[in-house]
N, C-alpha and C. Protein backbone atom coordinates (compact mmCIF):
# COMPACT_ATOMS: atom_id res chain seq x y z
N UNK A 1 -23.89 -4.70 -37.16
CA UNK A 1 -23.38 -3.57 -36.24
C UNK A 1 -22.60 -4.27 -35.07
N UNK A 2 -21.47 -3.87 -34.80
CA UNK A 2 -20.56 -4.41 -33.83
C UNK A 2 -20.88 -3.67 -32.56
N UNK A 3 -21.16 -4.49 -31.47
CA UNK A 3 -21.50 -3.82 -30.11
C UNK A 3 -20.45 -4.38 -29.15
N UNK A 4 -19.19 -4.16 -29.55
CA UNK A 4 -18.19 -4.48 -28.53
C UNK A 4 -17.96 -3.46 -27.45
N UNK A 5 -17.56 -3.91 -26.32
CA UNK A 5 -17.29 -2.98 -25.27
C UNK A 5 -16.16 -2.06 -25.46
N UNK A 6 -16.17 -0.85 -25.19
CA UNK A 6 -15.05 -0.08 -25.42
C UNK A 6 -13.80 -0.42 -24.45
N UNK A 7 -12.71 -0.26 -25.00
CA UNK A 7 -11.48 -0.56 -24.25
C UNK A 7 -11.48 0.21 -22.93
N UNK A 8 -11.01 -0.52 -21.93
CA UNK A 8 -11.01 0.08 -20.62
C UNK A 8 -9.78 0.99 -20.57
N UNK A 9 -10.07 2.14 -20.10
CA UNK A 9 -9.00 3.12 -19.92
C UNK A 9 -8.43 3.06 -18.53
N UNK A 10 -7.02 2.72 -18.47
CA UNK A 10 -6.51 2.59 -17.28
C UNK A 10 -6.25 3.78 -16.38
N UNK A 11 -6.44 4.89 -17.17
CA UNK A 11 -6.33 6.15 -16.27
C UNK A 11 -7.53 6.44 -15.48
N UNK A 12 -8.60 5.61 -15.54
CA UNK A 12 -9.79 5.84 -14.73
C UNK A 12 -9.60 4.91 -13.43
N UNK A 13 -8.72 5.48 -12.52
CA UNK A 13 -8.69 4.66 -11.31
C UNK A 13 -9.69 4.79 -10.46
N UNK A 14 -9.94 3.75 -9.51
CA UNK A 14 -11.08 3.97 -8.52
C UNK A 14 -11.03 5.12 -7.80
N UNK A 15 -12.18 5.74 -7.55
CA UNK A 15 -12.07 7.07 -6.89
C UNK A 15 -12.66 6.86 -5.32
N UNK A 16 -12.46 5.59 -4.96
CA UNK A 16 -12.89 5.16 -3.61
C UNK A 16 -12.21 6.10 -2.57
N UNK A 17 -12.91 6.52 -1.57
CA UNK A 17 -12.17 7.36 -0.47
C UNK A 17 -12.64 6.76 0.87
N UNK A 18 -11.96 6.97 1.94
CA UNK A 18 -12.41 6.66 3.26
C UNK A 18 -13.20 7.64 3.80
N UNK A 19 -14.26 7.38 4.54
CA UNK A 19 -15.05 8.15 5.33
C UNK A 19 -15.09 7.83 6.76
N UNK A 20 -15.55 8.60 7.68
CA UNK A 20 -15.57 8.27 9.18
C UNK A 20 -17.00 8.15 9.47
N UNK A 21 -17.40 6.99 10.06
CA UNK A 21 -18.76 6.75 10.50
C UNK A 21 -18.80 6.82 11.95
N UNK A 22 -19.83 7.70 12.51
CA UNK A 22 -19.98 7.76 13.99
C UNK A 22 -20.88 6.60 14.29
N UNK A 23 -20.52 5.82 15.26
CA UNK A 23 -21.42 4.66 15.61
C UNK A 23 -22.21 5.03 16.87
N UNK A 24 -23.29 4.15 17.12
CA UNK A 24 -24.01 4.31 18.37
C UNK A 24 -23.21 3.84 19.49
N UNK A 25 -23.50 4.06 20.69
CA UNK A 25 -22.81 3.77 21.95
C UNK A 25 -22.40 2.36 21.86
N UNK A 26 -21.21 1.93 21.95
CA UNK A 26 -20.77 0.46 21.94
C UNK A 26 -21.32 -0.31 20.71
N UNK A 27 -21.48 0.41 19.55
CA UNK A 27 -22.11 -0.29 18.44
C UNK A 27 -21.12 -0.37 17.36
N UNK A 28 -19.82 -0.35 17.67
CA UNK A 28 -18.78 -0.42 16.72
C UNK A 28 -18.83 -1.59 15.75
N UNK A 29 -18.73 -2.79 16.49
CA UNK A 29 -18.75 -4.09 16.00
C UNK A 29 -20.11 -4.52 15.25
N UNK A 30 -21.19 -3.96 15.74
CA UNK A 30 -22.51 -4.25 15.02
C UNK A 30 -22.53 -3.39 13.73
N UNK A 31 -21.96 -2.30 13.89
CA UNK A 31 -21.98 -1.28 12.69
C UNK A 31 -21.08 -1.84 11.56
N UNK A 32 -19.86 -2.34 12.13
CA UNK A 32 -18.98 -2.88 10.95
C UNK A 32 -19.49 -4.31 10.31
N UNK A 33 -20.09 -4.99 11.23
CA UNK A 33 -20.64 -6.31 10.65
C UNK A 33 -21.71 -6.00 9.58
N UNK A 34 -22.59 -4.99 9.87
CA UNK A 34 -23.61 -4.72 8.94
C UNK A 34 -23.18 -4.01 7.71
N UNK A 35 -22.25 -3.03 7.83
CA UNK A 35 -21.65 -2.52 6.80
C UNK A 35 -21.10 -3.44 5.81
N UNK A 36 -20.19 -4.34 6.33
CA UNK A 36 -19.54 -5.42 5.57
C UNK A 36 -20.82 -6.32 4.69
N UNK A 37 -21.77 -6.43 5.57
CA UNK A 37 -22.81 -7.38 4.98
C UNK A 37 -23.58 -6.75 3.80
N UNK A 38 -23.50 -5.44 3.83
CA UNK A 38 -24.08 -4.62 2.65
C UNK A 38 -23.11 -4.57 1.48
N UNK A 39 -21.91 -4.95 1.65
CA UNK A 39 -20.95 -4.75 0.56
C UNK A 39 -19.98 -3.77 0.73
N UNK A 40 -19.99 -2.92 1.87
CA UNK A 40 -18.96 -1.79 2.03
C UNK A 40 -17.62 -2.39 2.58
N UNK A 41 -16.55 -1.68 2.41
CA UNK A 41 -15.41 -2.03 2.84
C UNK A 41 -15.32 -1.23 4.24
N UNK A 42 -15.31 -1.92 5.41
CA UNK A 42 -15.30 -1.09 6.67
C UNK A 42 -14.16 -1.60 7.57
N UNK A 43 -13.52 -0.62 8.30
CA UNK A 43 -12.30 -1.03 9.02
C UNK A 43 -12.51 -0.37 10.38
N UNK A 44 -12.41 -1.20 11.36
CA UNK A 44 -12.55 -0.83 12.90
C UNK A 44 -11.14 -1.15 13.56
N UNK A 45 -10.41 -0.12 13.66
CA UNK A 45 -9.03 -0.36 14.16
C UNK A 45 -9.23 -0.60 15.77
N UNK A 46 -8.51 -1.77 16.20
CA UNK A 46 -8.58 -2.17 17.75
C UNK A 46 -7.42 -2.34 18.19
N UNK A 47 -7.15 -2.23 19.64
CA UNK A 47 -6.00 -2.42 20.30
C UNK A 47 -6.20 -3.50 21.29
N UNK A 48 -5.05 -4.22 21.44
CA UNK A 48 -5.25 -5.42 22.41
C UNK A 48 -5.12 -5.05 23.87
N UNK A 49 -5.58 -5.46 24.73
CA UNK A 49 -5.71 -5.06 26.17
C UNK A 49 -6.03 -6.38 27.00
N UNK A 50 -5.97 -6.21 28.22
CA UNK A 50 -6.40 -7.37 29.12
C UNK A 50 -7.41 -6.79 30.10
N UNK A 51 -8.50 -7.55 30.37
CA UNK A 51 -9.48 -7.13 31.24
C UNK A 51 -9.57 -8.12 32.39
N UNK A 52 -9.98 -7.77 33.64
CA UNK A 52 -10.04 -8.60 34.67
C UNK A 52 -11.46 -9.12 34.85
N UNK A 53 -11.70 -10.43 34.69
CA UNK A 53 -13.10 -10.97 34.64
C UNK A 53 -12.88 -12.22 35.63
N UNK A 54 -13.73 -12.27 36.60
CA UNK A 54 -13.97 -13.31 37.53
C UNK A 54 -12.49 -13.76 38.18
N UNK A 55 -11.79 -12.50 38.52
CA UNK A 55 -10.56 -12.69 39.25
C UNK A 55 -9.30 -13.03 38.33
N UNK A 56 -9.47 -13.15 36.98
CA UNK A 56 -8.34 -13.53 36.10
C UNK A 56 -8.32 -12.37 34.99
N UNK A 57 -7.11 -12.29 34.67
CA UNK A 57 -6.84 -11.34 33.40
C UNK A 57 -6.89 -12.07 32.26
N UNK A 58 -7.70 -11.52 31.39
CA UNK A 58 -7.98 -12.07 30.11
C UNK A 58 -7.70 -11.29 28.94
N UNK A 59 -7.07 -11.76 27.79
CA UNK A 59 -6.83 -10.95 26.63
C UNK A 59 -8.15 -10.45 26.05
N UNK A 60 -8.20 -9.27 25.57
CA UNK A 60 -9.41 -8.61 25.05
C UNK A 60 -8.91 -7.65 24.01
N UNK A 61 -9.80 -6.98 23.38
CA UNK A 61 -9.43 -5.84 22.55
C UNK A 61 -10.55 -4.78 22.61
N UNK A 62 -10.21 -3.54 22.25
CA UNK A 62 -11.25 -2.46 22.33
C UNK A 62 -10.89 -1.51 21.14
N UNK A 63 -11.82 -0.88 20.68
CA UNK A 63 -11.65 0.18 19.42
C UNK A 63 -10.76 1.20 19.93
N UNK A 64 -9.81 1.46 18.89
CA UNK A 64 -8.82 2.51 19.01
C UNK A 64 -9.39 3.74 19.15
N UNK A 65 -10.57 3.97 18.37
CA UNK A 65 -11.41 5.13 18.42
C UNK A 65 -12.70 4.90 18.75
N UNK A 66 -13.09 4.73 20.05
CA UNK A 66 -14.37 4.35 20.50
C UNK A 66 -15.51 5.29 20.01
N UNK A 67 -16.35 4.61 19.30
CA UNK A 67 -17.63 5.34 18.69
C UNK A 67 -17.32 5.69 17.29
N UNK A 68 -16.26 5.22 16.74
CA UNK A 68 -16.03 5.55 15.27
C UNK A 68 -15.32 4.34 14.48
N UNK A 69 -15.55 4.36 13.25
CA UNK A 69 -14.97 3.39 12.30
C UNK A 69 -14.85 4.07 10.91
N UNK A 70 -14.05 3.37 10.16
CA UNK A 70 -13.92 3.97 8.72
C UNK A 70 -14.71 3.07 7.75
N UNK A 71 -15.22 3.69 6.65
CA UNK A 71 -15.84 3.09 5.55
C UNK A 71 -15.29 3.48 4.23
N UNK A 72 -15.03 2.64 3.27
CA UNK A 72 -14.61 3.09 1.99
C UNK A 72 -15.65 3.13 1.05
N UNK A 73 -15.92 4.13 0.25
CA UNK A 73 -16.82 4.04 -0.88
C UNK A 73 -16.56 5.13 -1.93
N UNK A 74 -17.16 5.06 -3.09
CA UNK A 74 -16.92 5.75 -4.19
C UNK A 74 -18.12 6.88 -4.16
N UNK A 75 -17.77 8.06 -3.93
CA UNK A 75 -18.77 9.08 -4.07
C UNK A 75 -19.19 9.13 -5.47
N UNK A 76 -20.57 9.35 -5.60
CA UNK A 76 -21.22 9.55 -6.94
C UNK A 76 -21.55 8.17 -7.43
N UNK A 77 -20.94 6.95 -6.91
CA UNK A 77 -21.11 5.72 -7.45
C UNK A 77 -21.93 4.92 -6.45
N UNK A 78 -21.44 4.97 -5.11
CA UNK A 78 -21.99 4.28 -4.05
C UNK A 78 -22.89 5.23 -3.32
N UNK A 79 -23.99 4.88 -2.77
CA UNK A 79 -25.07 5.75 -2.19
C UNK A 79 -24.67 5.81 -0.63
N UNK A 80 -24.61 7.16 -0.07
CA UNK A 80 -24.30 7.37 1.27
C UNK A 80 -25.58 6.89 2.24
N UNK A 81 -26.73 6.99 1.72
CA UNK A 81 -28.07 6.81 2.49
C UNK A 81 -28.09 5.61 3.14
N UNK A 82 -27.70 4.36 2.52
CA UNK A 82 -27.91 3.13 3.33
C UNK A 82 -26.92 3.10 4.51
N UNK A 83 -25.91 3.82 4.48
CA UNK A 83 -24.95 3.79 5.65
C UNK A 83 -25.57 4.38 6.88
N UNK A 84 -26.25 5.63 6.65
CA UNK A 84 -26.93 6.23 7.49
C UNK A 84 -28.06 5.40 8.49
N UNK A 85 -28.72 4.48 7.65
CA UNK A 85 -29.71 3.68 8.21
C UNK A 85 -29.26 2.35 8.65
N UNK A 86 -28.00 2.03 8.60
CA UNK A 86 -27.35 0.86 9.03
C UNK A 86 -27.49 0.53 10.39
N UNK A 87 -27.81 -0.62 10.93
CA UNK A 87 -27.92 -0.90 12.36
C UNK A 87 -26.45 -0.76 13.05
N UNK A 88 -26.44 0.11 14.11
CA UNK A 88 -25.17 0.45 14.78
C UNK A 88 -24.66 1.54 14.39
N UNK A 89 -25.02 2.20 13.22
CA UNK A 89 -24.53 3.49 12.79
C UNK A 89 -25.34 4.63 13.29
N UNK A 90 -24.71 5.68 13.76
CA UNK A 90 -25.34 6.94 14.09
C UNK A 90 -25.46 7.84 12.96
N UNK A 91 -24.32 8.13 12.33
CA UNK A 91 -24.21 8.94 11.19
C UNK A 91 -22.74 8.92 10.54
N UNK A 92 -22.69 9.48 9.28
CA UNK A 92 -21.39 9.84 8.81
C UNK A 92 -20.90 11.04 9.32
N UNK A 93 -19.61 11.26 9.61
CA UNK A 93 -19.03 12.46 10.03
C UNK A 93 -19.04 13.46 8.81
N UNK A 94 -19.73 14.56 8.94
CA UNK A 94 -20.15 15.48 7.87
C UNK A 94 -19.77 16.92 8.27
N UNK A 95 -19.48 17.67 7.28
CA UNK A 95 -19.27 19.17 7.41
C UNK A 95 -20.20 19.79 6.30
N UNK A 96 -20.95 20.85 6.71
CA UNK A 96 -21.97 21.47 5.96
C UNK A 96 -22.84 20.43 5.25
N UNK A 97 -23.24 19.47 6.09
CA UNK A 97 -24.21 18.40 5.72
C UNK A 97 -23.86 17.48 4.58
N UNK A 98 -22.36 17.50 4.28
CA UNK A 98 -21.83 16.70 3.23
C UNK A 98 -20.91 15.74 3.86
N UNK A 99 -20.77 14.51 3.67
CA UNK A 99 -19.85 13.63 4.36
C UNK A 99 -18.50 14.04 3.87
N UNK A 100 -17.48 14.14 4.68
CA UNK A 100 -16.22 14.60 4.38
C UNK A 100 -15.21 13.48 4.27
N UNK A 101 -14.56 13.15 3.10
CA UNK A 101 -13.65 12.23 3.03
C UNK A 101 -12.23 12.49 3.86
N UNK A 102 -11.74 11.39 4.29
CA UNK A 102 -10.38 11.47 4.96
C UNK A 102 -9.37 11.91 3.97
N UNK A 103 -8.39 12.52 4.31
CA UNK A 103 -7.29 12.97 3.36
C UNK A 103 -6.67 11.73 2.68
N UNK A 104 -6.40 11.84 1.46
CA UNK A 104 -5.86 10.73 0.81
C UNK A 104 -4.57 10.10 1.36
N UNK A 105 -4.64 8.87 1.51
CA UNK A 105 -3.51 8.20 2.17
C UNK A 105 -3.61 8.11 3.62
N UNK A 106 -4.42 8.75 4.29
CA UNK A 106 -4.51 8.89 5.71
C UNK A 106 -4.83 7.55 6.34
N UNK A 107 -5.95 6.85 5.90
CA UNK A 107 -6.35 5.59 6.40
C UNK A 107 -5.21 4.50 6.15
N UNK A 108 -4.55 4.61 5.01
CA UNK A 108 -3.61 3.55 4.73
C UNK A 108 -2.43 3.87 5.68
N UNK A 109 -2.12 5.03 5.93
CA UNK A 109 -1.07 5.26 6.88
C UNK A 109 -1.33 4.83 8.41
N UNK A 110 -2.62 5.10 8.70
CA UNK A 110 -3.18 4.62 10.00
C UNK A 110 -3.05 3.24 10.16
N UNK A 111 -3.48 2.42 9.02
CA UNK A 111 -3.56 0.90 8.93
C UNK A 111 -2.19 0.38 9.23
N UNK A 112 -1.13 1.05 8.61
CA UNK A 112 0.24 0.61 8.76
C UNK A 112 0.70 0.82 10.17
N UNK A 113 0.50 2.05 10.68
CA UNK A 113 0.90 2.33 12.09
C UNK A 113 0.20 1.23 13.08
N UNK A 114 -1.02 1.13 12.80
CA UNK A 114 -1.82 0.10 13.69
C UNK A 114 -1.17 -1.37 13.63
N UNK A 115 -0.89 -1.77 12.35
CA UNK A 115 -0.33 -3.16 12.19
C UNK A 115 0.98 -3.29 12.89
N UNK A 116 1.76 -2.15 12.78
CA UNK A 116 3.03 -2.07 13.54
C UNK A 116 2.95 -2.17 14.95
N UNK A 117 1.91 -1.39 15.44
CA UNK A 117 1.60 -1.41 16.97
C UNK A 117 1.21 -2.72 17.34
N UNK A 118 0.35 -3.38 16.72
CA UNK A 118 -0.14 -4.72 17.13
C UNK A 118 1.02 -5.72 17.11
N UNK A 119 1.89 -5.68 16.06
CA UNK A 119 3.05 -6.57 15.99
C UNK A 119 4.13 -6.46 17.16
N UNK A 120 4.21 -5.20 17.61
CA UNK A 120 5.29 -4.96 18.61
C UNK A 120 4.62 -4.78 20.06
N UNK A 121 3.28 -4.97 20.20
CA UNK A 121 2.82 -4.71 21.32
C UNK A 121 2.87 -5.87 22.33
N UNK A 122 3.40 -5.61 23.62
CA UNK A 122 3.61 -6.63 24.53
C UNK A 122 2.21 -6.73 25.34
N UNK A 123 2.19 -7.60 26.19
CA UNK A 123 1.02 -7.73 27.06
C UNK A 123 1.18 -7.25 28.41
N UNK A 124 2.16 -6.22 28.51
CA UNK A 124 2.41 -5.62 29.92
C UNK A 124 1.29 -4.60 30.19
N UNK A 125 0.51 -4.93 31.35
CA UNK A 125 -0.66 -4.19 31.68
C UNK A 125 -0.13 -2.89 32.48
N UNK A 126 0.88 -3.09 33.30
CA UNK A 126 1.33 -2.23 34.29
C UNK A 126 2.69 -1.57 33.74
N UNK A 127 2.90 -0.31 34.21
CA UNK A 127 4.26 0.35 33.96
C UNK A 127 5.17 0.14 35.21
N UNK A 128 6.37 0.09 35.01
CA UNK A 128 7.30 0.12 36.15
C UNK A 128 7.11 1.44 37.07
N UNK A 129 6.78 1.31 38.28
CA UNK A 129 6.59 2.53 39.18
C UNK A 129 5.19 2.82 39.38
N UNK A 130 4.16 2.09 38.66
CA UNK A 130 2.91 2.43 38.74
C UNK A 130 2.17 1.87 40.08
N UNK A 131 1.38 2.58 40.73
CA UNK A 131 0.75 2.05 41.97
C UNK A 131 -0.25 1.10 41.74
N UNK A 132 -0.38 0.04 42.60
CA UNK A 132 -1.12 -1.18 42.40
C UNK A 132 -1.68 -1.49 43.65
N UNK A 133 -2.77 -2.21 43.64
CA UNK A 133 -3.53 -2.67 44.79
C UNK A 133 -3.55 -4.25 44.65
N UNK A 134 -3.20 -4.97 45.82
CA UNK A 134 -3.47 -6.35 45.89
C UNK A 134 -4.81 -6.77 46.09
N UNK A 135 -5.52 -7.69 45.41
CA UNK A 135 -6.81 -8.05 45.52
C UNK A 135 -7.21 -9.44 46.24
N UNK A 136 -6.15 -10.21 46.50
CA UNK A 136 -6.29 -11.51 47.14
C UNK A 136 -4.92 -11.89 48.00
N UNK A 137 -5.25 -12.81 48.70
CA UNK A 137 -4.09 -13.34 49.58
C UNK A 137 -3.88 -12.64 50.89
N UNK A 138 -2.90 -12.73 51.73
CA UNK A 138 -2.68 -12.15 53.01
C UNK A 138 -2.26 -10.62 52.91
N UNK A 139 -2.06 -10.14 51.79
CA UNK A 139 -1.80 -8.64 51.56
C UNK A 139 -2.93 -8.04 50.91
N UNK A 140 -4.15 -8.62 50.89
CA UNK A 140 -5.31 -8.01 50.23
C UNK A 140 -5.53 -6.73 50.79
N UNK A 141 -5.72 -5.74 49.86
CA UNK A 141 -6.08 -4.36 50.16
C UNK A 141 -4.64 -3.53 50.12
N UNK A 142 -3.50 -4.17 50.33
CA UNK A 142 -2.33 -3.31 50.45
C UNK A 142 -2.11 -2.61 49.14
N UNK A 143 -1.46 -1.51 49.11
CA UNK A 143 -1.03 -0.88 47.99
C UNK A 143 0.58 -0.94 47.83
N UNK A 144 1.05 -1.05 46.66
CA UNK A 144 2.38 -1.17 46.47
C UNK A 144 2.76 -0.50 45.13
N UNK A 145 3.95 -0.74 44.64
CA UNK A 145 4.53 -0.23 43.44
C UNK A 145 4.91 -1.32 42.53
N UNK A 146 4.42 -1.28 41.21
CA UNK A 146 4.71 -2.48 40.31
C UNK A 146 6.20 -2.36 39.85
N UNK A 147 6.84 -3.64 39.93
CA UNK A 147 8.28 -3.45 39.53
C UNK A 147 8.40 -4.12 38.13
N UNK A 148 8.02 -5.49 38.15
CA UNK A 148 8.28 -6.10 36.94
C UNK A 148 7.41 -7.37 36.77
N UNK A 149 7.32 -7.95 35.57
CA UNK A 149 6.57 -9.22 35.34
C UNK A 149 7.54 -10.30 35.15
N UNK A 150 7.28 -11.35 35.65
CA UNK A 150 8.01 -12.60 35.57
C UNK A 150 7.54 -13.38 34.38
N UNK A 151 8.03 -14.35 33.87
CA UNK A 151 7.61 -15.23 32.74
C UNK A 151 6.60 -16.22 33.06
N UNK A 152 6.49 -16.47 34.50
CA UNK A 152 5.61 -17.45 34.90
C UNK A 152 4.15 -16.93 35.46
N UNK A 153 3.77 -15.97 34.75
CA UNK A 153 2.51 -15.17 35.16
C UNK A 153 2.43 -14.56 36.52
N UNK A 154 3.67 -14.20 37.08
CA UNK A 154 3.68 -13.75 38.34
C UNK A 154 4.39 -12.22 38.21
N UNK A 155 4.07 -11.47 39.24
CA UNK A 155 4.70 -10.07 39.22
C UNK A 155 5.35 -9.66 40.47
N UNK A 156 6.36 -8.82 40.30
CA UNK A 156 7.11 -8.40 41.50
C UNK A 156 6.46 -7.05 41.82
N UNK A 157 6.02 -6.92 43.09
CA UNK A 157 5.48 -5.72 43.70
C UNK A 157 6.40 -5.19 44.80
N UNK A 158 6.67 -3.97 45.07
CA UNK A 158 7.43 -3.39 46.03
C UNK A 158 6.37 -2.81 47.02
N UNK A 159 6.48 -3.55 48.25
CA UNK A 159 5.50 -3.20 49.38
C UNK A 159 6.34 -2.70 50.57
N UNK A 160 5.70 -1.71 51.29
CA UNK A 160 6.45 -1.15 52.55
C UNK A 160 5.98 -2.31 53.62
N UNK A 161 7.10 -3.03 54.05
CA UNK A 161 6.83 -4.02 55.03
C UNK A 161 7.95 -3.72 56.22
N UNK A 162 7.48 -3.51 57.42
CA UNK A 162 8.13 -3.13 58.59
C UNK A 162 9.10 -2.00 58.27
N UNK A 163 8.65 -0.98 57.75
CA UNK A 163 9.24 0.42 57.44
C UNK A 163 10.28 0.31 56.28
N UNK A 164 10.38 -0.80 55.55
CA UNK A 164 11.25 -0.95 54.40
C UNK A 164 10.54 -1.45 53.13
N UNK A 165 10.85 -1.01 52.04
CA UNK A 165 10.30 -1.21 50.78
C UNK A 165 10.97 -2.74 50.40
N UNK A 166 10.05 -3.70 50.22
CA UNK A 166 10.41 -5.04 49.97
C UNK A 166 9.93 -5.58 48.65
N UNK A 167 10.83 -6.17 47.69
CA UNK A 167 10.13 -6.76 46.57
C UNK A 167 9.42 -8.14 46.92
N UNK A 168 8.26 -8.39 46.60
CA UNK A 168 7.57 -9.44 46.87
C UNK A 168 6.85 -9.92 45.51
N UNK A 169 6.67 -11.40 45.33
CA UNK A 169 6.24 -11.98 44.17
C UNK A 169 4.73 -12.30 44.52
N UNK A 170 3.80 -11.89 43.39
CA UNK A 170 2.38 -12.18 43.51
C UNK A 170 1.85 -12.71 42.22
N UNK A 171 0.76 -13.43 42.23
CA UNK A 171 0.10 -13.85 41.05
C UNK A 171 -0.43 -12.63 40.20
N UNK A 172 -0.06 -12.66 38.90
CA UNK A 172 -0.56 -11.44 38.07
C UNK A 172 -2.02 -11.15 38.29
N UNK A 173 -2.87 -12.27 38.49
CA UNK A 173 -4.34 -11.95 38.55
C UNK A 173 -4.81 -11.32 39.91
N UNK A 174 -3.76 -11.22 40.96
CA UNK A 174 -4.17 -10.57 42.26
C UNK A 174 -3.81 -9.16 42.28
N UNK A 175 -3.43 -8.61 41.01
CA UNK A 175 -2.92 -7.33 41.11
C UNK A 175 -3.83 -6.45 40.25
N UNK A 176 -4.26 -5.11 40.67
CA UNK A 176 -5.06 -4.37 39.87
C UNK A 176 -4.41 -2.83 40.05
N UNK A 177 -4.63 -2.01 39.20
CA UNK A 177 -4.28 -0.56 39.26
C UNK A 177 -4.92 -0.09 40.57
N UNK A 178 -4.11 0.78 41.29
CA UNK A 178 -4.55 1.37 42.58
C UNK A 178 -5.38 2.69 42.10
């Protein structure tokens, strides 16, 4: 008796779909790590930003959709239950008590937009004309208007000095949004 495997039908393409996972507060990274550890494909889109820490602006990143991430799985093949009990996960986004898949191609399009955004993103924290406050130096506490950033980690701020708006140069780390 010949027990060979049946030939694979190429028309049976994977039925994996993307679902939205609601995470616990600030639990996006924990949830992503634990979902991946369990063998799921999980994607947490993030955006680059800068945060002021100990008087310095440092590069950082934050979730594009705080409190949410995406997980890919095959309904009927992979079980939803382990996802719900994964550390960092609150629940799957559901309608009528059933997890609802993202529209076909939506996550792929979002990934492409995200990649394009990351590749073209500058590290400009302020916009021209934005009100800013000086945090250090002889003008500490003064408010001005952001003009531009120089290549040497310095910025030009427009300050009202002696009744006239003057462009003055300051260290980038000394400026915060007003």
